[in-house]
Amino acid sequence: MIAVPLSNVSQHLSLLKAQSLVQTRKDGQTVYYSLADRRIIEACTLIRSVLLDKMKSAARSRRRSTPVRGGRHLSRRWIPSRAKQKEGTSRVWQGLTQEAAQTGLQR
């Protein structure tokens, strides 16, 4: 069962039936609902897939970027790991200044 009041479910099913998206079949006092067209499942699956891809992309984007002054973001690829900070600091600084120059940021 679902954790939604029966009145809400009934109203939604009524709207779906009015648009011929679901069919009904009665068996005594029980009413069975089914989809009128199997393509509805395909459409819902496609929409779900698009939304999941967008959520994954947004999560990856949040993990990859680090906010800096002025609301601009620089990629974490320019931030060295602690083990490589000493040896790669000048290389990282060059990368940051190059990216800042390309995006219009100044020191």
N, C-alpha and C. Protein backbone atom coordinates (compact mmCIF):
# COMPACT_ATOMS: atom_id res chain seq x y z
N MET A 1 0.84 -1.19 0.00
CA MET A 1 0.00 0.00 0.00
C MET A 1 0.89 1.25 0.00
N ILE A 2 0.28 2.37 -0.33
CA ILE A 2 1.01 3.63 -0.34
C ILE A 2 0.54 4.51 0.80
N ALA A 3 1.41 5.38 1.25
CA ALA A 3 1.12 6.24 2.40
C ALA A 3 0.49 7.55 1.95
N VAL A 4 -0.60 7.45 1.20
CA VAL A 4 -1.32 8.62 0.72
C VAL A 4 -2.79 8.42 1.07
N PRO A 5 -3.46 9.47 1.51
CA PRO A 5 -4.89 9.30 1.83
C PRO A 5 -5.68 8.76 0.64
N LEU A 6 -6.63 7.88 0.93
CA LEU A 6 -7.45 7.25 -0.10
C LEU A 6 -8.18 8.29 -0.96
N SER A 7 -8.59 9.40 -0.36
CA SER A 7 -9.28 10.44 -1.13
C SER A 7 -8.37 11.03 -2.21
N ASN A 8 -7.08 11.21 -1.89
CA ASN A 8 -6.13 11.73 -2.89
C ASN A 8 -5.96 10.74 -4.04
N VAL A 9 -5.81 9.46 -3.70
CA VAL A 9 -5.65 8.43 -4.72
C VAL A 9 -6.89 8.40 -5.61
N SER A 10 -8.04 8.46 -5.00
CA SER A 10 -9.30 8.43 -5.74
C SER A 10 -9.41 9.61 -6.70
N GLN A 11 -9.03 10.80 -6.25
CA GLN A 11 -9.08 11.99 -7.11
C GLN A 11 -8.11 11.86 -8.28
N HIS A 12 -6.91 11.37 -8.03
CA HIS A 12 -5.93 11.20 -9.10
C HIS A 12 -6.39 10.17 -10.12
N LEU A 13 -6.91 9.06 -9.63
CA LEU A 13 -7.42 8.03 -10.55
C LEU A 13 -8.59 8.55 -11.38
N SER A 14 -9.42 9.37 -10.76
CA SER A 14 -10.55 9.97 -11.48
C SER A 14 -10.06 10.87 -12.62
N LEU A 15 -9.03 11.66 -12.35
CA LEU A 15 -8.46 12.53 -13.39
C LEU A 15 -7.82 11.70 -14.51
N LEU A 16 -7.11 10.66 -14.14
CA LEU A 16 -6.48 9.80 -15.14
C LEU A 16 -7.54 9.10 -16.00
N LYS A 17 -8.63 8.68 -15.37
CA LYS A 17 -9.72 8.03 -16.11
C LYS A 17 -10.40 9.01 -17.04
N ALA A 18 -10.60 10.26 -16.60
CA ALA A 18 -11.24 11.28 -17.43
C ALA A 18 -10.42 11.57 -18.69
N GLN A 19 -9.10 11.40 -18.61
CA GLN A 19 -8.21 11.63 -19.75
C GLN A 19 -7.94 10.34 -20.54
N SER A 20 -8.65 9.28 -20.20
CA SER A 20 -8.52 7.96 -20.85
C SER A 20 -7.11 7.38 -20.74
N LEU A 21 -6.42 7.69 -19.64
CA LEU A 21 -5.10 7.13 -19.42
C LEU A 21 -5.16 5.81 -18.66
N VAL A 22 -6.26 5.59 -17.92
CA VAL A 22 -6.46 4.33 -17.23
C VAL A 22 -7.83 3.76 -17.59
N GLN A 23 -7.93 2.44 -17.46
CA GLN A 23 -9.20 1.74 -17.66
C GLN A 23 -9.61 1.13 -16.34
N THR A 24 -10.89 0.91 -16.17
CA THR A 24 -11.37 0.30 -14.93
C THR A 24 -12.10 -1.00 -15.24
N ARG A 25 -12.06 -1.88 -14.22
CA ARG A 25 -12.81 -3.13 -14.30
C ARG A 25 -13.33 -3.39 -12.90
N LYS A 26 -14.62 -3.68 -12.79
CA LYS A 26 -15.23 -3.94 -11.49
C LYS A 26 -15.39 -5.43 -11.27
N ASP A 27 -15.12 -5.83 -10.03
CA ASP A 27 -15.35 -7.20 -9.61
C ASP A 27 -16.01 -7.12 -8.24
N GLY A 28 -17.33 -7.12 -8.22
CA GLY A 28 -18.07 -6.90 -6.98
C GLY A 28 -17.92 -5.44 -6.57
N GLN A 29 -17.43 -5.24 -5.35
CA GLN A 29 -17.21 -3.88 -4.89
C GLN A 29 -15.79 -3.38 -5.19
N THR A 30 -14.95 -4.24 -5.69
CA THR A 30 -13.57 -3.88 -5.98
C THR A 30 -13.45 -3.33 -7.39
N VAL A 31 -12.72 -2.22 -7.52
CA VAL A 31 -12.47 -1.62 -8.83
C VAL A 31 -10.99 -1.77 -9.13
N TYR A 32 -10.68 -2.34 -10.28
CA TYR A 32 -9.30 -2.53 -10.71
C TYR A 32 -8.97 -1.49 -11.78
N TYR A 33 -7.82 -0.87 -11.63
CA TYR A 33 -7.37 0.13 -12.60
C TYR A 33 -6.16 -0.43 -13.36
N SER A 34 -6.11 -0.14 -14.66
CA SER A 34 -4.95 -0.53 -15.46
C SER A 34 -4.68 0.57 -16.47
N LEU A 35 -3.45 0.60 -16.95
CA LEU A 35 -3.08 1.61 -17.94
C LEU A 35 -3.78 1.32 -19.27
N ALA A 36 -4.27 2.36 -19.90
CA ALA A 36 -4.97 2.21 -21.17
C ALA A 36 -4.00 1.97 -22.32
N ASP A 37 -2.77 2.42 -22.17
CA ASP A 37 -1.78 2.30 -23.25
C ASP A 37 -0.42 1.97 -22.62
N ARG A 38 0.20 0.91 -23.07
CA ARG A 38 1.49 0.48 -22.51
C ARG A 38 2.60 1.51 -22.73
N ARG A 39 2.43 2.39 -23.70
CA ARG A 39 3.45 3.41 -23.95
C ARG A 39 3.58 4.39 -22.79
N ILE A 40 2.58 4.45 -21.94
CA ILE A 40 2.65 5.32 -20.75
C ILE A 40 3.80 4.88 -19.86
N ILE A 41 3.98 3.57 -19.72
CA ILE A 41 5.09 3.05 -18.92
C ILE A 41 6.42 3.46 -19.54
N GLU A 42 6.52 3.35 -20.86
CA GLU A 42 7.75 3.75 -21.55
C GLU A 42 8.03 5.23 -21.34
N ALA A 43 6.98 6.05 -21.43
CA ALA A 43 7.15 7.50 -21.24
C ALA A 43 7.61 7.81 -19.81
N CYS A 44 7.01 7.17 -18.84
CA CYS A 44 7.40 7.38 -17.43
C CYS A 44 8.82 6.91 -17.18
N THR A 45 9.20 5.79 -17.78
CA THR A 45 10.56 5.27 -17.64
C THR A 45 11.57 6.24 -18.24
N LEU A 46 11.23 6.78 -19.41
CA LEU A 46 12.12 7.74 -20.06
C LEU A 46 12.28 9.02 -19.22
N ILE A 47 11.19 9.55 -18.72
CA ILE A 47 11.24 10.76 -17.90
C ILE A 47 12.05 10.50 -16.63
N ARG A 48 11.84 9.34 -16.01
CA ARG A 48 12.59 8.98 -14.80
C ARG A 48 14.08 8.92 -15.11
N SER A 49 14.44 8.33 -16.23
CA SER A 49 15.83 8.22 -16.62
C SER A 49 16.48 9.59 -16.82
N VAL A 50 15.76 10.49 -17.48
CA VAL A 50 16.27 11.85 -17.70
C VAL A 50 16.48 12.55 -16.37
N LEU A 51 15.51 12.45 -15.48
CA LEU A 51 15.63 13.11 -14.17
C LEU A 51 16.78 12.53 -13.35
N LEU A 52 16.96 11.21 -13.37
CA LEU A 52 18.08 10.60 -12.65
C LEU A 52 19.42 11.06 -13.21
N ASP A 53 19.52 11.14 -14.54
CA ASP A 53 20.76 11.63 -15.16
C ASP A 53 21.05 13.06 -14.73
N LYS A 54 20.02 13.90 -14.68
CA LYS A 54 20.21 15.29 -14.26
C LYS A 54 20.66 15.37 -12.81
N MET A 55 20.08 14.53 -11.95
CA MET A 55 20.47 14.53 -10.55
C MET A 55 21.92 14.07 -10.38
N LYS A 56 22.31 13.03 -11.11
CA LYS A 56 23.69 12.53 -11.04
C LYS A 56 24.67 13.59 -11.54
N SER A 57 24.30 14.25 -12.62
CA SER A 57 25.17 15.28 -13.19
C SER A 57 25.32 16.44 -12.22
N ALA A 58 24.24 16.84 -11.59
CA ALA A 58 24.30 17.94 -10.62
C ALA A 58 25.16 17.56 -9.42
N ALA A 59 25.05 16.31 -8.97
CA ALA A 59 25.86 15.85 -7.84
C ALA A 59 27.34 15.83 -8.21
N ARG A 60 27.66 15.35 -9.42
CA ARG A 60 29.06 15.34 -9.85
C ARG A 60 29.59 16.76 -9.96
N SER A 61 28.77 17.65 -10.47
CA SER A 61 29.18 19.04 -10.64
C SER A 61 29.47 19.69 -9.29
N ARG A 62 28.64 19.41 -8.29
CA ARG A 62 28.86 19.97 -6.96
C ARG A 62 30.14 19.42 -6.35
N ARG A 63 30.45 18.14 -6.58
CA ARG A 63 31.66 17.55 -6.02
C ARG A 63 32.92 18.05 -6.70
N ARG A 64 32.84 18.37 -7.99
CA ARG A 64 34.03 18.75 -8.75
C ARG A 64 34.41 20.21 -8.60
N SER A 65 33.50 21.06 -8.20
CA SER A 65 33.83 22.48 -8.20
C SER A 65 34.02 23.01 -6.79
N THR A 66 34.88 24.02 -6.70
CA THR A 66 35.17 24.68 -5.44
C THR A 66 34.89 26.16 -5.62
N PRO A 67 34.02 26.73 -4.78
CA PRO A 67 33.71 28.14 -4.96
C PRO A 67 34.90 29.04 -4.63
N VAL A 68 35.06 30.11 -5.37
CA VAL A 68 36.09 31.11 -5.10
C VAL A 68 35.44 32.47 -5.14
N ARG A 69 36.23 33.49 -4.89
CA ARG A 69 35.73 34.86 -4.83
C ARG A 69 34.92 35.22 -6.08
N GLY A 70 33.84 35.97 -5.88
CA GLY A 70 33.03 36.44 -7.00
C GLY A 70 32.03 35.41 -7.50
N GLY A 71 31.85 34.31 -6.77
CA GLY A 71 30.88 33.30 -7.16
C GLY A 71 31.33 32.41 -8.31
N ARG A 72 32.57 32.57 -8.78
CA ARG A 72 33.06 31.70 -9.86
C ARG A 72 33.60 30.41 -9.27
N HIS A 73 33.65 29.39 -10.09
CA HIS A 73 34.13 28.10 -9.63
C HIS A 73 35.36 27.69 -10.41
N LEU A 74 36.29 27.11 -9.71
CA LEU A 74 37.46 26.53 -10.35
C LEU A 74 37.42 25.03 -10.12
N SER A 75 37.83 24.28 -11.08
CA SER A 75 37.82 22.83 -10.97
C SER A 75 38.81 22.36 -9.93
N ARG A 76 38.49 21.27 -9.23
CA ARG A 76 39.38 20.71 -8.22
C ARG A 76 40.66 20.15 -8.84
N ARG A 77 40.69 19.99 -10.16
CA ARG A 77 41.90 19.43 -10.76
C ARG A 77 43.11 20.31 -10.50
N TRP A 78 42.89 21.56 -10.13
CA TRP A 78 44.00 22.47 -9.86
C TRP A 78 44.42 22.44 -8.40
N ILE A 79 43.69 21.74 -7.56
CA ILE A 79 44.01 21.69 -6.14
C ILE A 79 44.83 20.43 -5.88
N PRO A 80 46.07 20.57 -5.42
CA PRO A 80 46.93 19.39 -5.24
C PRO A 80 46.55 18.58 -4.01
N SER A 81 46.89 17.30 -4.04
CA SER A 81 46.71 16.48 -2.85
C SER A 81 47.79 16.90 -1.85
N ARG A 82 47.62 16.56 -0.59
CA ARG A 82 48.59 16.98 0.44
C ARG A 82 49.97 16.40 0.17
N ALA A 83 50.01 15.19 -0.36
CA ALA A 83 51.31 14.57 -0.62
C ALA A 83 52.07 15.29 -1.72
N LYS A 84 51.37 15.90 -2.66
CA LYS A 84 52.03 16.54 -3.79
C LYS A 84 52.07 18.07 -3.67
N GLN A 85 51.64 18.61 -2.56
CA GLN A 85 51.60 20.06 -2.42
C GLN A 85 52.96 20.71 -2.60
N LYS A 86 53.99 20.14 -1.97
CA LYS A 86 55.31 20.76 -2.05
C LYS A 86 55.88 20.70 -3.45
N GLU A 87 55.79 19.52 -4.09
CA GLU A 87 56.41 19.39 -5.41
C GLU A 87 55.61 20.04 -6.52
N GLY A 88 54.30 20.15 -6.37
CA GLY A 88 53.49 20.64 -7.47
C GLY A 88 52.90 22.01 -7.29
N THR A 89 53.32 22.74 -6.26
CA THR A 89 52.71 24.03 -5.98
C THR A 89 52.86 25.01 -7.13
N SER A 90 54.04 25.10 -7.72
CA SER A 90 54.22 26.07 -8.80
C SER A 90 53.39 25.68 -10.02
N ARG A 91 53.29 24.37 -10.32
CA ARG A 91 52.50 23.90 -11.45
C ARG A 91 51.01 24.21 -11.21
N VAL A 92 50.57 24.01 -9.98
CA VAL A 92 49.18 24.29 -9.64
C VAL A 92 48.91 25.78 -9.75
N TRP A 93 49.83 26.60 -9.25
CA TRP A 93 49.64 28.05 -9.33
C TRP A 93 49.55 28.50 -10.78
N GLN A 94 50.38 27.92 -11.64
CA GLN A 94 50.32 28.26 -13.06
C GLN A 94 48.96 27.90 -13.64
N GLY A 95 48.45 26.72 -13.27
CA GLY A 95 47.13 26.31 -13.76
C GLY A 95 46.03 27.23 -13.28
N LEU A 96 46.10 27.62 -12.01
CA LEU A 96 45.08 28.54 -11.47
C LEU A 96 45.13 29.89 -12.17
N THR A 97 46.32 30.42 -12.36
CA THR A 97 46.41 31.72 -13.00
C THR A 97 45.98 31.65 -14.46
N GLN A 98 46.27 30.55 -15.14
CA GLN A 98 45.82 30.40 -16.52
C GLN A 98 44.29 30.33 -16.58
N GLU A 99 43.69 29.54 -15.70
CA GLU A 99 42.23 29.42 -15.70
C GLU A 99 41.59 30.74 -15.30
N ALA A 100 42.18 31.43 -14.33
CA ALA A 100 41.65 32.73 -13.92
C ALA A 100 41.71 33.72 -15.07
N ALA A 101 42.81 33.71 -15.83
CA ALA A 101 42.94 34.61 -16.97
C ALA A 101 41.90 34.30 -18.03
N GLN A 102 41.62 33.01 -18.25
CA GLN A 102 40.63 32.63 -19.25
C GLN A 102 39.22 33.01 -18.84
N THR A 103 38.92 32.96 -17.54
CA THR A 103 37.57 33.27 -17.07
C THR A 103 37.40 34.72 -16.66
N GLY A 104 38.46 35.51 -16.74
CA GLY A 104 38.36 36.93 -16.41
C GLY A 104 38.63 37.26 -14.96
N LEU A 105 39.05 36.28 -14.16
CA LEU A 105 39.38 36.55 -12.76
C LEU A 105 40.76 37.16 -12.68
N GLN A 106 40.98 37.99 -11.68
CA GLN A 106 42.30 38.57 -11.47
C GLN A 106 42.74 38.29 -10.05
N ARG A 107 44.06 38.35 -9.85
CA ARG A 107 44.58 38.10 -8.51
C ARG A 107 44.15 39.15 -7.54
